[in-house]
Amino acid sequence: MQVTITETSYEIDELKIACQRLDNSNTKIIALHGWQDNSNSFLPLINQMPQYDWYAIDFPGHGLSSWRNKQAHYYFIDYVDDVYRVLQQIAPNEKVIIVGHSMGAMVANLFAGCFPDKLKCVIAIEGLACVTTPDSEVTAQLRNAIESRAKPSSKRVFKRFDQVVNARLAVSDLDYDNAALIMKRNTQQVEDGIKLLTDPKLKHHSGFRFSPSQCQAICTDTTVPMLLIKALNGFKMISQAIENYGQLYTNLDVIAIPGGHHCHMEYAHVIAKEVDVYVNGVN
């Protein structure tokens, strides 16, 4: 059964944050997607969990949200600020659940470390801690970032939608239908073809990342209940993150389910049951 999803948006200064809503006045879930995905990646899971009050946002530069201004770039920590500012409008005086996938799970992790008083729990799907840069590689990281910004952007218009989908398939483990679902919200029909809505600057190297020791401090400060959902055929970096940081969390549970990195689309029915049991067991 397909549920009724409505479109809304939130303003942060002059930035529009697009959001897909399932409104049923129950426990609020804020859904945070992965890098170069959008809120459509949560539609299969929302359809399996219609008993919750969903807010699935598009991060800036993704989907139907605004791009950051021409002078700005996309820093991981700024997404945490985006979530805070939107949450102040959605639920300023109540605790919510954050469900994050991949980059969105890492954003949720850092948000939980900073603002545990605003959360009931975090559901992290194929994402834990954060991507780090060793101290010895800080200058190389910055150099790569600056050089990547100077490169011209790649072509952003395709003749047909299936070409867009196939381009995404070439760099992911998605099947065609799920790739099409994501790219439907990341594209727009224009006079000369299909235009990508994602900001080209998303592909620039980051000029800053936390060091491993800083990431350890973040994990130690993450005290809210957290469920990490690891895909059996997901990214190897998740297993590495568990090994490096898992013991630092106060309240971390880990489960493994079938599927690849986008398991929340492939096996939404499995995740829905696990999440429902976990949420109902959180005090």
C-alpha atoms as a PDB file:
ATOM      1  CA  MET A   1       0.000   0.000   0.000  1.00  0.00           C
ATOM      2  CA  GLN A   2       1.359   3.403  -1.018  1.00  0.00           C
ATOM      3  CA  VAL A   3       1.058   6.131   1.610  1.00  0.00           C
ATOM      4  CA  THR A   4       0.288   9.775   0.852  1.00  0.00           C
ATOM      5  CA  ILE A   5       3.445  11.877   0.806  1.00  0.00           C
ATOM      6  CA  THR A   6       3.244  15.667   0.714  1.00  0.00           C
ATOM      7  CA  GLU A   7       5.878  18.240  -0.224  1.00  0.00           C
ATOM      8  CA  THR A   8       6.919  21.036   2.096  1.00  0.00           C
ATOM      9  CA  SER A   9      10.047  23.083   2.728  1.00  0.00           C
ATOM     10  CA  TYR A  10      11.860  25.009   5.437  1.00  0.00           C
ATOM     11  CA  GLU A  11      13.814  28.226   5.120  1.00  0.00           C
ATOM     12  CA  ILE A  12      17.264  28.694   6.624  1.00  0.00           C
ATOM     13  CA  ASP A  13      18.072  32.342   5.926  1.00  0.00           C
ATOM     14  CA  GLU A  14      17.728  32.297   2.112  1.00  0.00           C
ATOM     15  CA  LEU A  15      18.294  28.554   1.768  1.00  0.00           C
ATOM     16  CA  LYS A  16      15.358  26.289   0.946  1.00  0.00           C
ATOM     17  CA  ILE A  17      15.382  22.829   2.511  1.00  0.00           C
ATOM     18  CA  ALA A  18      12.893  20.589   0.677  1.00  0.00           C
ATOM     19  CA  CYS A  19      11.113  17.938   2.698  1.00  0.00           C
ATOM     20  CA  GLN A  20       8.782  15.017   2.023  1.00  0.00           C
ATOM     21  CA  ARG A  21       6.180  14.514   4.739  1.00  0.00           C
ATOM     22  CA  LEU A  22       4.027  11.711   6.017  1.00  0.00           C
ATOM     23  CA  ASP A  23       1.891  13.443   8.636  1.00  0.00           C
ATOM     24  CA  ASN A  24       0.102  11.301  11.189  1.00  0.00           C
ATOM     25  CA  SER A  25       0.858  13.146  14.469  1.00  0.00           C
ATOM     26  CA  ASN A  26       2.862  10.268  15.931  1.00  0.00           C
ATOM     27  CA  THR A  27       6.538   9.921  16.888  1.00  0.00           C
ATOM     28  CA  LYS A  28       8.597  12.164  14.610  1.00  0.00           C
ATOM     29  CA  ILE A  29      11.329  10.688  12.421  1.00  0.00           C
ATOM     30  CA  ILE A  30      13.818  12.946  10.630  1.00  0.00           C
ATOM     31  CA  ALA A  31      15.342  11.099   7.661  1.00  0.00           C
ATOM     32  CA  LEU A  32      18.795  12.082   6.376  1.00  0.00           C
ATOM     33  CA  HIS A  33      19.949  10.664   3.041  1.00  0.00           C
ATOM     34  CA  GLY A  34      23.379   9.834   1.697  1.00  0.00           C
ATOM     35  CA  TRP A  35      25.801  11.773  -0.494  1.00  0.00           C
ATOM     36  CA  GLN A  36      24.296  12.586  -3.924  1.00  0.00           C
ATOM     37  CA  ASP A  37      21.059  10.817  -2.987  1.00  0.00           C
ATOM     38  CA  ASN A  38      17.902  12.593  -1.813  1.00  0.00           C
ATOM     39  CA  SER A  39      14.793  11.993   0.285  1.00  0.00           C
ATOM     40  CA  ASN A  40      13.344   9.627  -2.334  1.00  0.00           C
ATOM     41  CA  SER A  41      15.771   7.010  -1.043  1.00  0.00           C
ATOM     42  CA  PHE A  42      13.564   6.747   2.068  1.00  0.00           C
ATOM     43  CA  LEU A  43      10.248   6.258   0.274  1.00  0.00           C
ATOM     44  CA  PRO A  44      10.422   2.426   0.410  1.00  0.00           C
ATOM     45  CA  LEU A  45      11.050   2.583   4.180  1.00  0.00           C
ATOM     46  CA  ILE A  46       8.356   5.209   4.775  1.00  0.00           C
ATOM     47  CA  ASN A  47       5.852   2.995   2.984  1.00  0.00           C
ATOM     48  CA  GLN A  48       6.776   0.155   5.350  1.00  0.00           C
ATOM     49  CA  MET A  49       6.506   2.375   8.451  1.00  0.00           C
ATOM     50  CA  PRO A  50       3.433   4.587   7.945  1.00  0.00           C
ATOM     51  CA  GLN A  51       2.695   4.634  11.682  1.00  0.00           C
ATOM     52  CA  TYR A  52       5.414   7.285  12.205  1.00  0.00           C
ATOM     53  CA  ASP A  53       5.439  11.010  11.468  1.00  0.00           C
ATOM     54  CA  TRP A  54       8.111  11.356   8.766  1.00  0.00           C
ATOM     55  CA  TYR A  55      10.211  14.343   7.722  1.00  0.00           C
ATOM     56  CA  ALA A  56      12.552  13.236   4.912  1.00  0.00           C
ATOM     57  CA  ILE A  57      14.683  16.209   3.898  1.00  0.00           C
ATOM     58  CA  ASP A  58      16.908  16.924   0.932  1.00  0.00           C
ATOM     59  CA  PHE A  59      20.282  18.224   2.064  1.00  0.00           C
ATOM     60  CA  PRO A  60      21.405  21.483   0.378  1.00  0.00           C
ATOM     61  CA  GLY A  61      22.739  20.794  -3.095  1.00  0.00           C
ATOM     62  CA  HIS A  62      20.600  17.649  -3.405  1.00  0.00           C
ATOM     63  CA  GLY A  63      17.142  16.907  -4.753  1.00  0.00           C
ATOM     64  CA  LEU A  64      14.779  19.873  -4.601  1.00  0.00           C
ATOM     65  CA  SER A  65      16.710  21.857  -1.995  1.00  0.00           C
ATOM     66  CA  SER A  66      18.660  25.011  -2.801  1.00  0.00           C
ATOM     67  CA  TRP A  67      22.337  24.983  -3.647  1.00  0.00           C
ATOM     68  CA  ARG A  68      24.671  26.789  -1.291  1.00  0.00           C
ATOM     69  CA  ASN A  69      25.782  30.173  -2.622  1.00  0.00           C
ATOM     70  CA  LYS A  70      28.553  30.520  -5.186  1.00  0.00           C
ATOM     71  CA  GLN A  71      31.222  31.290  -2.586  1.00  0.00           C
ATOM     72  CA  ALA A  72      30.267  28.389  -0.312  1.00  0.00           C
ATOM     73  CA  HIS A  73      31.332  24.757  -0.388  1.00  0.00           C
ATOM     74  CA  TYR A  74      29.889  21.595   1.123  1.00  0.00           C
ATOM     75  CA  TYR A  75      31.388  20.825   4.504  1.00  0.00           C
ATOM     76  CA  PHE A  76      30.171  17.881   6.546  1.00  0.00           C
ATOM     77  CA  ILE A  77      29.755  19.990   9.692  1.00  0.00           C
ATOM     78  CA  ASP A  78      27.433  22.415   7.883  1.00  0.00           C
ATOM     79  CA  TYR A  79      24.912  19.613   7.367  1.00  0.00           C
ATOM     80  CA  VAL A  80      24.736  19.272  11.153  1.00  0.00           C
ATOM     81  CA  ASP A  81      23.840  22.954  11.361  1.00  0.00           C
ATOM     82  CA  ASP A  82      21.198  22.446   8.653  1.00  0.00           C
ATOM     83  CA  VAL A  83      19.590  19.658  10.682  1.00  0.00           C
ATOM     84  CA  TYR A  84      19.656  21.766  13.843  1.00  0.00           C
ATOM     85  CA  ARG A  85      18.038  24.747  12.111  1.00  0.00           C
ATOM     86  CA  VAL A  86      15.321  22.621  10.494  1.00  0.00           C
ATOM     87  CA  LEU A  87      14.658  20.742  13.717  1.00  0.00           C
ATOM     88  CA  GLN A  88      14.121  24.049  15.499  1.00  0.00           C
ATOM     89  CA  GLN A  89      11.185  24.580  13.133  1.00  0.00           C
ATOM     90  CA  ILE A  90       9.859  21.020  13.171  1.00  0.00           C
ATOM     91  CA  ALA A  91      10.127  20.055  16.843  1.00  0.00           C
ATOM     92  CA  PRO A  92      11.773  22.698  19.038  1.00  0.00           C
ATOM     93  CA  ASN A  93      10.463  21.229  22.287  1.00  0.00           C
ATOM     94  CA  GLU A  94      10.323  17.471  21.783  1.00  0.00           C
ATOM     95  CA  LYS A  95      12.710  14.618  21.183  1.00  0.00           C
ATOM     96  CA  VAL A  96      12.774  12.989  17.747  1.00  0.00           C
ATOM     97  CA  ILE A  97      14.263   9.947  16.053  1.00  0.00           C
ATOM     98  CA  ILE A  98      16.859  10.471  13.340  1.00  0.00           C
ATOM     99  CA  VAL A  99      17.209   7.805  10.658  1.00  0.00           C
ATOM    100  CA  GLY A 100      20.305   8.403   8.570  1.00  0.00           C
ATOM    101  CA  HIS A 101      21.831   6.548   5.647  1.00  0.00           C
ATOM    102  CA  SER A 102      25.531   6.656   4.763  1.00  0.00           C
ATOM    103  CA  MET A 103      26.608  10.335   4.956  1.00  0.00           C
ATOM    104  CA  GLY A 104      23.268  11.079   6.606  1.00  0.00           C
ATOM    105  CA  ALA A 105      24.065   8.509   9.304  1.00  0.00           C
ATOM    106  CA  MET A 106      27.370  10.229   9.972  1.00  0.00           C
ATOM    107  CA  VAL A 107      25.623  13.600  10.176  1.00  0.00           C
ATOM    108  CA  ALA A 108      23.164  12.035  12.633  1.00  0.00           C
ATOM    109  CA  ASN A 109      26.097  10.681  14.665  1.00  0.00           C
ATOM    110  CA  LEU A 110      27.711  14.109  15.018  1.00  0.00           C
ATOM    111  CA  PHE A 111      24.357  15.746  15.723  1.00  0.00           C
ATOM    112  CA  ALA A 112      23.715  13.194  18.478  1.00  0.00           C
ATOM    113  CA  GLY A 113      27.087  13.960  20.033  1.00  0.00           C
ATOM    114  CA  CYS A 114      26.296  17.683  20.070  1.00  0.00           C
ATOM    115  CA  PHE A 115      22.578  17.611  20.937  1.00  0.00           C
ATOM    116  CA  PRO A 116      21.643  14.412  22.809  1.00  0.00           C
ATOM    117  CA  ASP A 117      18.801  16.257  24.539  1.00  0.00           C
ATOM    118  CA  LYS A 118      16.951  16.548  21.224  1.00  0.00           C
ATOM    119  CA  LEU A 119      16.917  12.844  20.352  1.00  0.00           C
ATOM    120  CA  LYS A 120      15.146   9.668  21.418  1.00  0.00           C
ATOM    121  CA  CYS A 121      17.544   7.562  19.402  1.00  0.00           C
ATOM    122  CA  VAL A 122      19.493   7.329  16.157  1.00  0.00           C
ATOM    123  CA  ILE A 123      19.067   4.669  13.469  1.00  0.00           C
ATOM    124  CA  ALA A 124      22.300   4.624  11.458  1.00  0.00           C
ATOM    125  CA  ILE A 125      22.102   2.689   8.194  1.00  0.00           C
ATOM    126  CA  GLU A 126      25.474   1.880   6.604  1.00  0.00           C
ATOM    127  CA  GLY A 127      27.206   4.799   8.301  1.00  0.00           C
ATOM    128  CA  LEU A 128      29.091   5.236  11.579  1.00  0.00           C
ATOM    129  CA  ALA A 129      31.423   7.854  13.069  1.00  0.00           C
ATOM    130  CA  CYS A 130      32.823  10.030  10.252  1.00  0.00           C
ATOM    131  CA  VAL A 131      35.366  10.034   7.443  1.00  0.00           C
ATOM    132  CA  THR A 132      38.704  11.217   8.815  1.00  0.00           C
ATOM    133  CA  THR A 133      42.054  12.556   7.650  1.00  0.00           C
ATOM    134  CA  PRO A 134      45.237  11.759   9.615  1.00  0.00           C
ATOM    135  CA  ASP A 135      47.130  14.769  10.954  1.00  0.00           C
ATOM    136  CA  SER A 136      49.994  14.045   8.566  1.00  0.00           C
ATOM    137  CA  GLU A 137      47.692  14.443   5.541  1.00  0.00           C
ATOM    138  CA  VAL A 138      45.951  17.717   6.439  1.00  0.00           C
ATOM    139  CA  THR A 139      47.870  19.882   3.960  1.00  0.00           C
ATOM    140  CA  ALA A 140      47.455  17.316   1.158  1.00  0.00           C
ATOM    141  CA  GLN A 141      43.706  17.234   1.882  1.00  0.00           C
ATOM    142  CA  LEU A 142      43.461  21.012   1.564  1.00  0.00           C
ATOM    143  CA  ARG A 143      45.576  21.080  -1.589  1.00  0.00           C
ATOM    144  CA  ASN A 144      43.403  18.420  -3.259  1.00  0.00           C
ATOM    145  CA  ALA A 145      40.283  20.364  -2.307  1.00  0.00           C
ATOM    146  CA  ILE A 146      41.538  23.634  -3.770  1.00  0.00           C
ATOM    147  CA  GLU A 147      42.737  21.950  -6.969  1.00  0.00           C
ATOM    148  CA  SER A 148      39.419  20.134  -7.423  1.00  0.00           C
ATOM    149  CA  ARG A 149      37.520  23.432  -7.158  1.00  0.00           C
ATOM    150  CA  ALA A 150      39.538  24.847 -10.053  1.00  0.00           C
ATOM    151  CA  LYS A 151      38.500  22.075 -12.439  1.00  0.00           C
ATOM    152  CA  PRO A 152      35.587  22.779 -14.822  1.00  0.00           C
ATOM    153  CA  SER A 153      32.275  21.111 -14.049  1.00  0.00           C
ATOM    154  CA  SER A 154      31.251  18.072 -16.086  1.00  0.00           C
ATOM    155  CA  LYS A 155      28.279  18.036 -18.486  1.00  0.00           C
ATOM    156  CA  ARG A 156      25.008  18.274 -16.574  1.00  0.00           C
ATOM    157  CA  VAL A 157      22.404  17.539 -19.307  1.00  0.00           C
ATOM    158  CA  PHE A 158      21.434  14.106 -20.675  1.00  0.00           C
ATOM    159  CA  LYS A 159      19.259  13.327 -23.674  1.00  0.00           C
ATOM    160  CA  ARG A 160      17.160  10.670 -21.921  1.00  0.00           C
ATOM    161  CA  PHE A 161      16.309   9.741 -18.358  1.00  0.00           C
ATOM    162  CA  ASP A 162      17.565   6.175 -18.776  1.00  0.00           C
ATOM    163  CA  GLN A 163      21.023   7.600 -19.504  1.00  0.00           C
ATOM    164  CA  VAL A 164      20.957   9.369 -16.141  1.00  0.00           C
ATOM    165  CA  VAL A 165      19.925   6.160 -14.401  1.00  0.00           C
ATOM    166  CA  ASN A 166      22.601   4.121 -16.150  1.00  0.00           C
ATOM    167  CA  ALA A 167      25.235   6.699 -15.174  1.00  0.00           C
ATOM    168  CA  ARG A 168      24.207   6.267 -11.561  1.00  0.00           C
ATOM    169  CA  LEU A 169      24.209   2.469 -11.866  1.00  0.00           C
ATOM    170  CA  ALA A 170      27.815   2.631 -13.054  1.00  0.00           C
ATOM    171  CA  VAL A 171      28.958   4.093  -9.734  1.00  0.00           C
ATOM    172  CA  SER A 172      26.694   2.307  -7.242  1.00  0.00           C
ATOM    173  CA  ASP A 173      25.258  -1.044  -6.229  1.00  0.00           C
ATOM    174  CA  LEU A 174      21.662   0.044  -6.819  1.00  0.00           C
ATOM    175  CA  ASP A 175      19.265  -1.844  -9.045  1.00  0.00           C
ATOM    176  CA  TYR A 176      17.603   0.034 -11.911  1.00  0.00           C
ATOM    177  CA  ASP A 177      14.301   0.795 -10.180  1.00  0.00           C
ATOM    178  CA  ASN A 178      15.886   2.187  -7.033  1.00  0.00           C
ATOM    179  CA  ALA A 179      18.420   4.207  -9.012  1.00  0.00           C
ATOM    180  CA  ALA A 180      15.542   5.626 -11.068  1.00  0.00           C
ATOM    181  CA  LEU A 181      13.643   6.508  -7.891  1.00  0.00           C
ATOM    182  CA  ILE A 182      16.587   8.504  -6.562  1.00  0.00           C
ATOM    183  CA  MET A 183      17.434  10.182  -9.865  1.00  0.00           C
ATOM    184  CA  LYS A 184      13.839  11.186 -10.484  1.00  0.00           C
ATOM    185  CA  ARG A 185      14.217  13.733  -7.680  1.00  0.00           C
ATOM    186  CA  ASN A 186      17.754  14.688  -8.710  1.00  0.00           C
ATOM    187  CA  THR A 187      16.770  15.682 -12.259  1.00  0.00           C
ATOM    188  CA  GLN A 188      14.586  18.110 -14.172  1.00  0.00           C
ATOM    189  CA  GLN A 189      13.231  18.084 -17.724  1.00  0.00           C
ATOM    190  CA  VAL A 190      14.557  21.060 -19.690  1.00  0.00           C
ATOM    191  CA  GLU A 191      14.329  22.086 -23.324  1.00  0.00           C
ATOM    192  CA  ASP A 192      17.441  20.217 -24.447  1.00  0.00           C
ATOM    193  CA  GLY A 193      17.120  17.118 -22.259  1.00  0.00           C
ATOM    194  CA  ILE A 194      17.396  15.990 -18.646  1.00  0.00           C
ATOM    195  CA  LYS A 195      19.257  18.316 -16.293  1.00  0.00           C
ATOM    196  CA  LEU A 196      20.866  17.196 -13.034  1.00  0.00           C
ATOM    197  CA  LEU A 197      19.702  19.163  -9.997  1.00  0.00           C
ATOM    198  CA  THR A 198      22.612  18.166  -7.757  1.00  0.00           C
ATOM    199  CA  ASP A 199      25.205  20.888  -7.262  1.00  0.00           C
ATOM    200  CA  PRO A 200      28.441  20.012  -9.153  1.00  0.00           C
ATOM    201  CA  LYS A 201      30.385  21.282  -6.142  1.00  0.00           C
ATOM    202  CA  LEU A 202      29.253  18.198  -4.194  1.00  0.00           C
ATOM    203  CA  LYS A 203      31.989  16.304  -6.036  1.00  0.00           C
ATOM    204  CA  HIS A 204      34.760  18.628  -4.867  1.00  0.00           C
ATOM    205  CA  HIS A 205      37.185  17.201  -2.360  1.00  0.00           C
ATOM    206  CA  SER A 206      36.494  18.351   1.170  1.00  0.00           C
ATOM    207  CA  GLY A 207      38.938  20.965   2.441  1.00  0.00           C
ATOM    208  CA  PHE A 208      38.525  19.770   6.019  1.00  0.00           C
ATOM    209  CA  ARG A 209      37.904  16.493   7.826  1.00  0.00           C
ATOM    210  CA  PHE A 210      38.128  15.507  11.462  1.00  0.00           C
ATOM    211  CA  SER A 211      41.255  13.684  12.600  1.00  0.00           C
ATOM    212  CA  PRO A 212      40.924  10.137  13.976  1.00  0.00           C
ATOM    213  CA  SER A 213      41.357  11.414  17.554  1.00  0.00           C
ATOM    214  CA  GLN A 214      38.639  14.022  17.039  1.00  0.00           C
ATOM    215  CA  CYS A 215      36.359  11.321  15.651  1.00  0.00           C
ATOM    216  CA  GLN A 216      37.042   9.228  18.739  1.00  0.00           C
ATOM    217  CA  ALA A 217      35.920  12.138  20.919  1.00  0.00           C
ATOM    218  CA  ILE A 218      32.710  12.462  18.888  1.00  0.00           C
ATOM    219  CA  CYS A 219      31.923   8.771  19.345  1.00  0.00           C
ATOM    220  CA  THR A 220      32.612   8.973  23.082  1.00  0.00           C
ATOM    221  CA  ASP A 221      30.243  11.935  23.347  1.00  0.00           C
ATOM    222  CA  THR A 222      27.479  10.054  21.532  1.00  0.00           C
ATOM    223  CA  THR A 223      25.457   8.737  24.458  1.00  0.00           C
ATOM    224  CA  VAL A 224      21.956   8.467  22.985  1.00  0.00           C
ATOM    225  CA  PRO A 225      20.712   4.993  22.006  1.00  0.00           C
ATOM    226  CA  MET A 226      21.973   4.147  18.521  1.00  0.00           C
ATOM    227  CA  LEU A 227      21.189   1.222  16.258  1.00  0.00           C
ATOM    228  CA  LEU A 228      23.684   0.601  13.473  1.00  0.00           C
ATOM    229  CA  ILE A 229      22.273  -1.392  10.566  1.00  0.00           C
ATOM    230  CA  LYS A 230      25.076  -2.964   8.563  1.00  0.00           C
ATOM    231  CA  ALA A 231      24.431  -4.563   5.182  1.00  0.00           C
ATOM    232  CA  LEU A 232      26.009  -7.952   4.580  1.00  0.00           C
ATOM    233  CA  ASN A 233      27.161  -6.764   1.153  1.00  0.00           C
ATOM    234  CA  GLY A 234      27.609  -3.118   2.112  1.00  0.00           C
ATOM    235  CA  PHE A 235      30.667  -0.892   2.290  1.00  0.00           C
ATOM    236  CA  LYS A 236      33.766  -2.410   3.881  1.00  0.00           C
ATOM    237  CA  MET A 237      34.440   0.906   5.615  1.00  0.00           C
ATOM    238  CA  ILE A 238      31.467   0.203   7.916  1.00  0.00           C
ATOM    239  CA  SER A 239      33.127  -2.880   9.355  1.00  0.00           C
ATOM    240  CA  GLN A 240      36.332  -0.875   9.734  1.00  0.00           C
ATOM    241  CA  ALA A 241      34.449   1.902  11.562  1.00  0.00           C
ATOM    242  CA  ILE A 242      32.927  -0.641  13.942  1.00  0.00           C
ATOM    243  CA  GLU A 243      36.395  -2.036  14.676  1.00  0.00           C
ATOM    244  CA  ASN A 244      37.942   1.411  15.167  1.00  0.00           C
ATOM    245  CA  TYR A 245      35.164   3.200  17.033  1.00  0.00           C
ATOM    246  CA  GLY A 246      32.417   0.786  18.094  1.00  0.00           C
ATOM    247  CA  GLN A 247      33.760   0.266  21.620  1.00  0.00           C
ATOM    248  CA  LEU A 248      33.680   4.033  22.305  1.00  0.00           C
ATOM    249  CA  TYR A 249      29.892   4.345  22.211  1.00  0.00           C
ATOM    250  CA  THR A 250      27.864   4.266  25.407  1.00  0.00           C
ATOM    251  CA  ASN A 251      24.742   2.733  23.885  1.00  0.00           C
ATOM    252  CA  LEU A 252      25.384   1.172  20.461  1.00  0.00           C
ATOM    253  CA  ASP A 253      23.641  -1.902  19.049  1.00  0.00           C
ATOM    254  CA  VAL A 254      24.680  -3.428  15.721  1.00  0.00           C
ATOM    255  CA  ILE A 255      22.676  -5.720  13.466  1.00  0.00           C
ATOM    256  CA  ALA A 256      23.416  -7.115  10.011  1.00  0.00           C
ATOM    257  CA  ILE A 257      20.799  -7.541   7.303  1.00  0.00           C
ATOM    258  CA  PRO A 258      20.867  -8.703   3.675  1.00  0.00           C
ATOM    259  CA  GLY A 259      21.610  -6.342   0.828  1.00  0.00           C
ATOM    260  CA  GLY A 260      24.121  -3.756  -0.273  1.00  0.00           C
ATOM    261  CA  HIS A 261      24.841  -0.176   0.719  1.00  0.00           C
ATOM    262  CA  HIS A 262      21.280   0.923  -0.107  1.00  0.00           C
ATOM    263  CA  CYS A 263      19.752  -1.899   1.931  1.00  0.00           C
ATOM    264  CA  HIS A 264      17.067   0.489   3.228  1.00  0.00           C
ATOM    265  CA  MET A 265      15.666   0.500  -0.297  1.00  0.00           C
ATOM    266  CA  GLU A 266      16.307  -3.139  -1.192  1.00  0.00           C
ATOM    267  CA  TYR A 267      15.142  -4.612   2.122  1.00  0.00           C
ATOM    268  CA  ALA A 268      12.895  -1.885   3.515  1.00  0.00           C
ATOM    269  CA  HIS A 269      10.510  -4.472   4.968  1.00  0.00           C
ATOM    270  CA  VAL A 270      13.317  -6.092   6.979  1.00  0.00           C
ATOM    271  CA  ILE A 271      14.653  -2.787   8.299  1.00  0.00           C
ATOM    272  CA  ALA A 272      11.136  -1.577   9.163  1.00  0.00           C
ATOM    273  CA  LYS A 273      10.599  -4.508  11.520  1.00  0.00           C
ATOM    274  CA  GLU A 274      14.012  -4.122  13.151  1.00  0.00           C
ATOM    275  CA  VAL A 275      13.599  -0.375  13.631  1.00  0.00           C
ATOM    276  CA  ASP A 276      10.089  -0.709  15.055  1.00  0.00           C
ATOM    277  CA  VAL A 277      11.264  -3.258  17.637  1.00  0.00           C
ATOM    278  CA  TYR A 278      14.279  -1.131  18.540  1.00  0.00           C
ATOM    279  CA  VAL A 279      12.331   2.137  18.871  1.00  0.00           C
ATOM    280  CA  ASN A 280       9.661   0.516  21.020  1.00  0.00           C
ATOM    281  CA  GLY A 281      12.382  -0.846  23.299  1.00  0.00           C
ATOM    282  CA  VAL A 282      14.080   2.528  23.856  1.00  0.00           C
ATOM    283  CA  ASN A 283      13.196   4.094  27.188  1.00  0.00           C
END
